[in-house]
Amino acid sequence: MAKDHGSQIKNDEQYEELRDKGMSKEKAARIANDSDSGEKGGKADKYENRSKEELYQKAKEVGIEGRSDMSKEELIEALRENR
């Protein structure tokens, strides 16, 4: 059971987990008080659903070398390895 950290901390359990991982009190409080912090991402289209040009632009954005010679499948693989 999480301690009650008072009204200044909205999610006491998350706050304690973050502190146990070594985060500062300020950073843990900021995250625990963010109502969206527990939600997962995943809003972007899957790589397979993107065009080769979109994948190329993403590869360019993250600095993948040799992208101009890559197939769509190779771009997907390179982007996944780059995470």
C-alpha atoms as a PDB file:
ATOM      1  CA  MET A   1       0.000   0.000   0.000  1.00  0.00           C
ATOM      2  CA  ALA A   2       1.376   3.366  -1.037  1.00  0.00           C
ATOM      3  CA  LYS A   3       1.933   6.083   1.532  1.00  0.00           C
ATOM      4  CA  ASP A   4      -0.231   9.170   1.422  1.00  0.00           C
ATOM      5  CA  HIS A   5       2.038  11.974   0.269  1.00  0.00           C
ATOM      6  CA  GLY A   6      -0.647  14.609   0.738  1.00  0.00           C
ATOM      7  CA  SER A   7      -2.777  16.459  -1.742  1.00  0.00           C
ATOM      8  CA  GLN A   8       0.251  17.691  -3.696  1.00  0.00           C
ATOM      9  CA  ILE A   9       0.839  14.158  -5.113  1.00  0.00           C
ATOM     10  CA  LYS A  10      -2.060  12.820  -7.183  1.00  0.00           C
ATOM     11  CA  ASN A  11      -0.751   9.271  -7.707  1.00  0.00           C
ATOM     12  CA  ASP A  12       1.053   8.124  -4.557  1.00  0.00           C
ATOM     13  CA  GLU A  13       1.777   4.617  -5.869  1.00  0.00           C
ATOM     14  CA  GLN A  14       3.386   5.863  -9.072  1.00  0.00           C
ATOM     15  CA  TYR A  15       5.339   8.485  -7.107  1.00  0.00           C
ATOM     16  CA  GLU A  16       6.819   5.807  -4.819  1.00  0.00           C
ATOM     17  CA  GLU A  17       7.742   3.551  -7.752  1.00  0.00           C
ATOM     18  CA  LEU A  18       9.558   6.413  -9.454  1.00  0.00           C
ATOM     19  CA  ARG A  19      11.400   7.364  -6.267  1.00  0.00           C
ATOM     20  CA  ASP A  20      12.431   3.704  -5.797  1.00  0.00           C
ATOM     21  CA  LYS A  21      13.924   3.831  -9.306  1.00  0.00           C
ATOM     22  CA  GLY A  22      16.071   6.762  -8.207  1.00  0.00           C
ATOM     23  CA  MET A  23      14.203   9.756  -9.588  1.00  0.00           C
ATOM     24  CA  SER A  24      14.354  13.044  -7.738  1.00  0.00           C
ATOM     25  CA  LYS A  25      11.338  14.086  -5.676  1.00  0.00           C
ATOM     26  CA  GLU A  26      10.586  16.885  -8.120  1.00  0.00           C
ATOM     27  CA  LYS A  27      10.684  14.713 -11.234  1.00  0.00           C
ATOM     28  CA  ALA A  28       8.708  11.891  -9.596  1.00  0.00           C
ATOM     29  CA  ALA A  29       6.064  14.376  -8.441  1.00  0.00           C
ATOM     30  CA  ARG A  30       5.835  15.962 -11.897  1.00  0.00           C
ATOM     31  CA  ILE A  31       5.248  12.572 -13.527  1.00  0.00           C
ATOM     32  CA  ALA A  32       2.881  11.290 -10.825  1.00  0.00           C
ATOM     33  CA  ASN A  33       0.779  14.445 -11.148  1.00  0.00           C
ATOM     34  CA  ASP A  34       0.490  14.207 -14.949  1.00  0.00           C
ATOM     35  CA  SER A  35      -2.874  12.617 -15.731  1.00  0.00           C
ATOM     36  CA  ASP A  36      -1.538  11.219 -19.050  1.00  0.00           C
ATOM     37  CA  SER A  37       1.650   9.672 -17.644  1.00  0.00           C
ATOM     38  CA  GLY A  38       0.211   6.180 -17.223  1.00  0.00           C
ATOM     39  CA  GLU A  39      -1.060   5.930 -20.780  1.00  0.00           C
ATOM     40  CA  LYS A  40       0.837   4.067 -23.444  1.00  0.00           C
ATOM     41  CA  GLY A  41       1.912   5.664 -26.693  1.00  0.00           C
ATOM     42  CA  GLY A  42       1.207   3.896 -29.945  1.00  0.00           C
ATOM     43  CA  LYS A  43      -0.592   6.718 -31.714  1.00  0.00           C
ATOM     44  CA  ALA A  44       1.590   6.570 -34.842  1.00  0.00           C
ATOM     45  CA  ASP A  45       0.881   4.300 -37.799  1.00  0.00           C
ATOM     46  CA  LYS A  46       2.745   1.022 -37.881  1.00  0.00           C
ATOM     47  CA  TYR A  47       5.779   1.090 -40.124  1.00  0.00           C
ATOM     48  CA  GLU A  48       4.202  -1.497 -42.435  1.00  0.00           C
ATOM     49  CA  ASN A  49       1.275   0.868 -43.077  1.00  0.00           C
ATOM     50  CA  ARG A  50       3.542   3.756 -44.120  1.00  0.00           C
ATOM     51  CA  SER A  51       4.807   4.467 -47.606  1.00  0.00           C
ATOM     52  CA  LYS A  52       8.455   3.970 -48.501  1.00  0.00           C
ATOM     53  CA  GLU A  53       8.804   7.763 -48.780  1.00  0.00           C
ATOM     54  CA  GLU A  54       7.433   8.256 -45.250  1.00  0.00           C
ATOM     55  CA  LEU A  55       9.849   5.645 -43.935  1.00  0.00           C
ATOM     56  CA  TYR A  56      12.701   7.299 -45.813  1.00  0.00           C
ATOM     57  CA  GLN A  57      11.863  10.686 -44.266  1.00  0.00           C
ATOM     58  CA  LYS A  58      11.729   9.146 -40.781  1.00  0.00           C
ATOM     59  CA  ALA A  59      15.090   7.431 -41.398  1.00  0.00           C
ATOM     60  CA  LYS A  60      16.517  10.778 -42.540  1.00  0.00           C
ATOM     61  CA  GLU A  61      15.131  12.451 -39.405  1.00  0.00           C
ATOM     62  CA  VAL A  62      16.864   9.968 -37.091  1.00  0.00           C
ATOM     63  CA  GLY A  63      20.075   9.877 -39.129  1.00  0.00           C
ATOM     64  CA  ILE A  64      20.140   6.356 -40.561  1.00  0.00           C
ATOM     65  CA  GLU A  65      23.075   5.957 -42.947  1.00  0.00           C
ATOM     66  CA  GLY A  66      22.564   4.298 -46.347  1.00  0.00           C
ATOM     67  CA  ARG A  67      18.822   4.893 -46.330  1.00  0.00           C
ATOM     68  CA  SER A  68      18.667   5.899 -50.009  1.00  0.00           C
ATOM     69  CA  ASP A  69      19.687   2.389 -51.085  1.00  0.00           C
ATOM     70  CA  MET A  70      17.285   0.577 -48.733  1.00  0.00           C
ATOM     71  CA  SER A  71      14.065  -1.202 -49.621  1.00  0.00           C
ATOM     72  CA  LYS A  72      10.911  -0.559 -47.617  1.00  0.00           C
ATOM     73  CA  GLU A  73      11.577  -3.682 -45.550  1.00  0.00           C
ATOM     74  CA  GLU A  74      15.170  -2.614 -44.882  1.00  0.00           C
ATOM     75  CA  LEU A  75      14.015   0.848 -43.808  1.00  0.00           C
ATOM     76  CA  ILE A  76      11.556  -0.732 -41.365  1.00  0.00           C
ATOM     77  CA  GLU A  77      14.283  -2.966 -39.934  1.00  0.00           C
ATOM     78  CA  ALA A  78      16.720  -0.062 -39.619  1.00  0.00           C
ATOM     79  CA  LEU A  79      14.133   2.140 -37.888  1.00  0.00           C
ATOM     80  CA  ARG A  80      13.273  -0.615 -35.417  1.00  0.00           C
ATOM     81  CA  GLU A  81      16.950  -1.197 -34.596  1.00  0.00           C
ATOM     82  CA  ASN A  82      17.431   2.540 -34.090  1.00  0.00           C
ATOM     83  CA  ARG A  83      14.860   2.860 -31.283  1.00  0.00           C
END
